[in-house]
Amino acid sequence: MAGRVVDAAVSSGGDAYATVAPPFEPPDADTALLVHTRVPVLRYHRADAHAAAWRSAGLTSATVAQLPPGSGRDAIEAGTNHGAGVPYLSLTPDERLIFLGDLAAPAG
C-alpha cells in the first residue's frame, strides 16, 4: 500500500517529493525495507504540502515560523493535512485503516 501512495503522490508532490521519489528499491527488497524506503518519501510530500499551505496564506518560511498559536497556525495545519492526504485517496477507506494500523503496530 505504501508503494501505491508514493506513486499517487506524483500528481500533488512538489520539489521535496521529486528529490526523493521514487526511492531506490533493490529487486530483492523485503517488505520491511520497502516500507523503510517509502514512508520517508511521504514525509517529503507532507513537507511540500506544508510549504504550499503557508504560501497560499501569503506567508514565507520566516513569517510562518513566527506565527503564534491560534487560528492562523491551525489553518496552515488544516491546509497541510488536506494536501498531504491527497495521495492516500488512492487507498480505499478500509485499506487506509489497515495501512495506519500496520504503521502503528510494533515490529515482531
N, C-alpha and C. Protein backbone atom coordinates (compact mmCIF):
# COMPACT_ATOMS: atom_id res chain seq x y z
N MET A 1 0.82 -1.20 0.00
CA MET A 1 0.00 0.00 0.00
C MET A 1 0.86 1.26 0.00
N ALA A 2 1.99 1.21 0.71
CA ALA A 2 2.87 2.38 0.74
C ALA A 2 3.35 2.74 -0.66
N GLY A 3 3.62 1.73 -1.47
CA GLY A 3 4.04 1.98 -2.84
C GLY A 3 2.95 2.66 -3.66
N ARG A 4 1.72 2.25 -3.47
CA ARG A 4 0.61 2.89 -4.18
C ARG A 4 0.47 4.35 -3.78
N VAL A 5 0.64 4.63 -2.49
CA VAL A 5 0.51 6.01 -2.02
C VAL A 5 1.66 6.85 -2.57
N VAL A 6 2.88 6.32 -2.55
CA VAL A 6 4.03 7.04 -3.11
C VAL A 6 3.79 7.33 -4.59
N ASP A 7 3.30 6.35 -5.33
CA ASP A 7 3.02 6.55 -6.75
C ASP A 7 1.93 7.60 -6.96
N ALA A 8 0.90 7.57 -6.13
CA ALA A 8 -0.20 8.53 -6.26
C ALA A 8 0.25 9.95 -5.91
N ALA A 9 1.30 10.08 -5.13
CA ALA A 9 1.79 11.40 -4.71
C ALA A 9 2.45 12.17 -5.83
N VAL A 10 2.74 11.51 -6.94
CA VAL A 10 3.38 12.19 -8.07
C VAL A 10 2.58 13.42 -8.50
N SER A 11 1.27 13.30 -8.53
CA SER A 11 0.43 14.38 -9.05
C SER A 11 0.34 15.58 -8.10
N SER A 12 0.61 15.39 -6.83
CA SER A 12 0.49 16.50 -5.89
C SER A 12 1.80 16.83 -5.17
N GLY A 13 2.84 16.09 -5.45
CA GLY A 13 4.13 16.35 -4.81
C GLY A 13 4.81 17.57 -5.39
N GLY A 14 5.68 18.15 -4.60
CA GLY A 14 6.45 19.31 -5.02
C GLY A 14 7.92 18.97 -5.18
N ASP A 15 8.74 19.98 -5.01
CA ASP A 15 10.18 19.81 -5.21
C ASP A 15 10.82 18.83 -4.22
N ALA A 16 10.41 18.87 -2.96
CA ALA A 16 10.99 17.96 -1.98
C ALA A 16 10.66 16.51 -2.33
N TYR A 17 9.41 16.27 -2.67
CA TYR A 17 9.00 14.92 -3.07
C TYR A 17 9.77 14.47 -4.29
N ALA A 18 9.87 15.33 -5.28
CA ALA A 18 10.55 14.97 -6.54
C ALA A 18 12.02 14.64 -6.31
N THR A 19 12.61 15.20 -5.28
CA THR A 19 14.01 14.94 -4.97
C THR A 19 14.23 13.51 -4.49
N VAL A 20 13.26 12.93 -3.82
CA VAL A 20 13.44 11.61 -3.20
C VAL A 20 12.61 10.51 -3.84
N ALA A 21 11.73 10.85 -4.75
CA ALA A 21 10.87 9.84 -5.36
C ALA A 21 11.29 9.59 -6.80
N PRO A 22 11.20 8.39 -7.24
CA PRO A 22 10.91 7.19 -6.46
C PRO A 22 12.13 6.76 -5.66
N PRO A 23 11.91 6.12 -4.53
CA PRO A 23 13.05 5.66 -3.73
C PRO A 23 13.75 4.49 -4.40
N PHE A 24 15.03 4.34 -4.10
CA PHE A 24 15.76 3.17 -4.59
C PHE A 24 15.26 1.94 -3.85
N GLU A 25 14.92 0.92 -4.60
CA GLU A 25 14.44 -0.33 -4.01
C GLU A 25 15.14 -1.49 -4.70
N PRO A 26 16.03 -2.19 -3.99
CA PRO A 26 16.69 -3.34 -4.59
C PRO A 26 15.66 -4.38 -5.02
N PRO A 27 15.93 -5.10 -6.08
CA PRO A 27 14.98 -6.10 -6.57
C PRO A 27 14.61 -7.16 -5.52
N ASP A 28 15.52 -7.45 -4.61
CA ASP A 28 15.26 -8.48 -3.60
C ASP A 28 14.80 -7.90 -2.26
N ALA A 29 14.34 -6.66 -2.27
CA ALA A 29 13.94 -5.99 -1.02
C ALA A 29 12.75 -6.71 -0.38
N ASP A 30 12.83 -6.88 0.93
CA ASP A 30 11.69 -7.46 1.64
C ASP A 30 10.73 -6.35 2.05
N THR A 31 9.62 -6.73 2.61
CA THR A 31 8.57 -5.77 2.97
C THR A 31 9.09 -4.69 3.92
N ALA A 32 9.88 -5.08 4.91
CA ALA A 32 10.39 -4.10 5.87
C ALA A 32 11.24 -3.04 5.18
N LEU A 33 12.09 -3.44 4.27
CA LEU A 33 12.92 -2.47 3.55
C LEU A 33 12.07 -1.58 2.67
N LEU A 34 11.07 -2.14 2.02
CA LEU A 34 10.20 -1.32 1.17
C LEU A 34 9.48 -0.25 1.98
N VAL A 35 8.96 -0.63 3.13
CA VAL A 35 8.30 0.37 3.99
C VAL A 35 9.31 1.40 4.45
N HIS A 36 10.50 0.93 4.82
CA HIS A 36 11.56 1.83 5.29
C HIS A 36 11.95 2.86 4.23
N THR A 37 11.93 2.51 2.97
CA THR A 37 12.30 3.45 1.92
C THR A 37 11.13 4.29 1.42
N ARG A 38 9.91 3.80 1.56
CA ARG A 38 8.75 4.51 1.02
C ARG A 38 8.16 5.54 1.98
N VAL A 39 8.09 5.22 3.24
CA VAL A 39 7.45 6.14 4.20
C VAL A 39 8.17 7.51 4.26
N PRO A 40 9.49 7.56 4.26
CA PRO A 40 10.13 8.89 4.26
C PRO A 40 9.78 9.73 3.03
N VAL A 41 9.54 9.08 1.90
CA VAL A 41 9.13 9.83 0.70
C VAL A 41 7.81 10.54 0.97
N LEU A 42 6.94 9.90 1.71
CA LEU A 42 5.66 10.52 2.05
C LEU A 42 5.84 11.68 3.02
N ARG A 43 6.87 11.64 3.84
CA ARG A 43 7.17 12.77 4.73
C ARG A 43 7.58 13.99 3.90
N TYR A 44 8.35 13.76 2.84
CA TYR A 44 8.74 14.87 1.97
C TYR A 44 7.52 15.42 1.22
N HIS A 45 6.61 14.55 0.87
CA HIS A 45 5.36 15.01 0.25
C HIS A 45 4.61 15.91 1.23
N ARG A 46 4.59 15.53 2.50
CA ARG A 46 3.92 16.34 3.51
C ARG A 46 4.63 17.69 3.67
N ALA A 47 5.95 17.69 3.59
CA ALA A 47 6.69 18.96 3.67
C ALA A 47 6.29 19.88 2.53
N ASP A 48 6.13 19.33 1.34
CA ASP A 48 5.67 20.14 0.20
C ASP A 48 4.27 20.68 0.46
N ALA A 49 3.39 19.86 1.03
CA ALA A 49 2.03 20.31 1.34
C ALA A 49 2.05 21.43 2.37
N HIS A 50 2.95 21.33 3.34
CA HIS A 50 3.07 22.37 4.36
C HIS A 50 3.52 23.69 3.73
N ALA A 51 4.53 23.62 2.89
CA ALA A 51 5.01 24.83 2.23
C ALA A 51 3.92 25.43 1.35
N ALA A 52 3.17 24.60 0.66
CA ALA A 52 2.08 25.10 -0.19
C ALA A 52 1.01 25.79 0.66
N ALA A 53 0.73 25.23 1.83
CA ALA A 53 -0.30 25.81 2.71
C ALA A 53 0.10 27.19 3.21
N TRP A 54 1.37 27.35 3.64
CA TRP A 54 1.74 28.68 4.13
C TRP A 54 1.95 29.66 3.00
N ARG A 55 2.38 29.18 1.83
CA ARG A 55 2.49 30.10 0.69
C ARG A 55 1.12 30.59 0.25
N SER A 56 0.12 29.70 0.26
CA SER A 56 -1.22 30.12 -0.15
C SER A 56 -1.82 31.11 0.84
N ALA A 57 -1.31 31.12 2.07
CA ALA A 57 -1.75 32.10 3.07
C ALA A 57 -0.93 33.39 2.99
N GLY A 58 -0.04 33.47 1.99
CA GLY A 58 0.78 34.67 1.82
C GLY A 58 1.95 34.76 2.77
N LEU A 59 2.35 33.63 3.34
CA LEU A 59 3.45 33.64 4.31
C LEU A 59 4.73 33.13 3.66
N THR A 60 5.83 33.43 4.31
CA THR A 60 7.14 32.93 3.90
C THR A 60 7.62 31.98 5.00
N SER A 61 8.74 31.32 4.75
CA SER A 61 9.26 30.42 5.78
C SER A 61 9.59 31.20 7.06
N ALA A 62 10.03 32.43 6.92
CA ALA A 62 10.35 33.25 8.10
C ALA A 62 9.07 33.66 8.84
N THR A 63 8.04 34.08 8.11
CA THR A 63 6.83 34.55 8.79
C THR A 63 6.01 33.42 9.38
N VAL A 64 6.01 32.26 8.74
CA VAL A 64 5.26 31.14 9.30
C VAL A 64 5.91 30.66 10.59
N ALA A 65 7.22 30.75 10.69
CA ALA A 65 7.92 30.35 11.91
C ALA A 65 7.58 31.26 13.08
N GLN A 66 7.20 32.49 12.79
CA GLN A 66 6.86 33.46 13.83
C GLN A 66 5.37 33.49 14.14
N LEU A 67 4.59 32.71 13.42
CA LEU A 67 3.14 32.70 13.61
C LEU A 67 2.80 32.13 14.99
N PRO A 68 2.06 32.89 15.78
CA PRO A 68 1.72 32.40 17.12
C PRO A 68 0.66 31.30 17.06
N PRO A 69 0.55 30.52 18.11
CA PRO A 69 -0.52 29.51 18.15
C PRO A 69 -1.88 30.20 17.97
N GLY A 70 -2.79 29.49 17.37
CA GLY A 70 -4.12 30.04 17.17
C GLY A 70 -4.67 29.71 15.80
N SER A 71 -5.67 30.48 15.41
CA SER A 71 -6.41 30.14 14.19
C SER A 71 -5.56 30.20 12.93
N GLY A 72 -4.61 31.13 12.85
CA GLY A 72 -3.75 31.21 11.67
C GLY A 72 -2.90 29.96 11.50
N ARG A 73 -2.28 29.55 12.58
CA ARG A 73 -1.46 28.34 12.54
C ARG A 73 -2.34 27.11 12.31
N ASP A 74 -3.52 27.09 12.92
CA ASP A 74 -4.44 25.97 12.74
C ASP A 74 -4.87 25.85 11.28
N ALA A 75 -5.07 26.98 10.62
CA ALA A 75 -5.44 26.97 9.20
C ALA A 75 -4.31 26.40 8.34
N ILE A 76 -3.08 26.75 8.69
CA ILE A 76 -1.93 26.21 7.96
C ILE A 76 -1.88 24.69 8.14
N GLU A 77 -2.10 24.21 9.35
CA GLU A 77 -2.08 22.77 9.61
C GLU A 77 -3.21 22.07 8.88
N ALA A 78 -4.39 22.68 8.83
CA ALA A 78 -5.51 22.08 8.11
C ALA A 78 -5.19 21.99 6.61
N GLY A 79 -4.60 23.04 6.07
CA GLY A 79 -4.19 23.02 4.66
C GLY A 79 -3.12 21.98 4.40
N THR A 80 -2.20 21.85 5.33
CA THR A 80 -1.15 20.83 5.23
C THR A 80 -1.76 19.44 5.23
N ASN A 81 -2.65 19.20 6.17
CA ASN A 81 -3.28 17.88 6.27
C ASN A 81 -4.07 17.55 5.01
N HIS A 82 -4.76 18.53 4.46
CA HIS A 82 -5.52 18.29 3.24
C HIS A 82 -4.59 17.93 2.08
N GLY A 83 -3.56 18.74 1.86
CA GLY A 83 -2.63 18.48 0.76
C GLY A 83 -1.87 17.18 0.93
N ALA A 84 -1.45 16.90 2.15
CA ALA A 84 -0.69 15.67 2.41
C ALA A 84 -1.57 14.44 2.29
N GLY A 85 -2.87 14.60 2.47
CA GLY A 85 -3.78 13.46 2.41
C GLY A 85 -4.18 13.03 1.02
N VAL A 86 -3.94 13.86 0.03
CA VAL A 86 -4.39 13.56 -1.33
C VAL A 86 -3.95 12.18 -1.83
N PRO A 87 -2.67 11.81 -1.72
CA PRO A 87 -2.28 10.50 -2.26
C PRO A 87 -2.90 9.31 -1.52
N TYR A 88 -3.31 9.51 -0.29
CA TYR A 88 -3.92 8.42 0.47
C TYR A 88 -5.31 8.08 -0.06
N LEU A 89 -5.87 8.96 -0.89
CA LEU A 89 -7.17 8.67 -1.51
C LEU A 89 -7.05 7.55 -2.54
N SER A 90 -5.81 7.17 -2.88
CA SER A 90 -5.62 6.03 -3.78
C SER A 90 -5.93 4.70 -3.08
N LEU A 91 -6.05 4.74 -1.76
CA LEU A 91 -6.43 3.56 -0.98
C LEU A 91 -7.91 3.65 -0.64
N THR A 92 -8.55 2.52 -0.50
CA THR A 92 -9.93 2.52 -0.03
C THR A 92 -9.93 2.90 1.45
N PRO A 93 -11.07 3.30 1.99
CA PRO A 93 -11.11 3.60 3.43
C PRO A 93 -10.62 2.42 4.29
N ASP A 94 -11.01 1.21 3.93
CA ASP A 94 -10.54 0.04 4.69
C ASP A 94 -9.03 -0.13 4.57
N GLU A 95 -8.49 0.07 3.38
CA GLU A 95 -7.04 -0.05 3.21
C GLU A 95 -6.31 1.02 4.01
N ARG A 96 -6.86 2.23 4.08
CA ARG A 96 -6.21 3.29 4.88
C ARG A 96 -6.14 2.88 6.34
N LEU A 97 -7.20 2.28 6.86
CA LEU A 97 -7.19 1.82 8.26
C LEU A 97 -6.16 0.71 8.46
N ILE A 98 -6.08 -0.21 7.53
CA ILE A 98 -5.09 -1.29 7.63
C ILE A 98 -3.68 -0.71 7.58
N PHE A 99 -3.44 0.21 6.64
CA PHE A 99 -2.13 0.82 6.49
C PHE A 99 -1.74 1.55 7.77
N LEU A 100 -2.64 2.33 8.32
CA LEU A 100 -2.37 3.04 9.57
C LEU A 100 -2.08 2.07 10.69
N GLY A 101 -2.89 1.03 10.78
CA GLY A 101 -2.67 0.03 11.84
C GLY A 101 -1.33 -0.67 11.69
N ASP A 102 -0.96 -0.98 10.45
CA ASP A 102 0.34 -1.64 10.22
C ASP A 102 1.49 -0.73 10.62
N LEU A 103 1.37 0.57 10.32
CA LEU A 103 2.45 1.50 10.67
C LEU A 103 2.54 1.70 12.18
N ALA A 104 1.41 1.60 12.86
CA ALA A 104 1.40 1.82 14.31
C ALA A 104 1.76 0.57 15.10
N ALA A 105 1.70 -0.61 14.47
CA ALA A 105 1.96 -1.87 15.18
C ALA A 105 3.45 -2.02 15.47
N PRO A 106 3.77 -2.50 16.65
CA PRO A 106 5.18 -2.76 16.95
C PRO A 106 5.72 -3.89 16.08
N ALA A 107 6.97 -3.79 15.74
CA ALA A 107 7.61 -4.84 14.94
C ALA A 107 7.71 -6.13 15.74
N GLY A 108 7.66 -7.25 15.03
CA GLY A 108 7.86 -8.53 15.69
C GLY A 108 6.67 -9.29 15.86
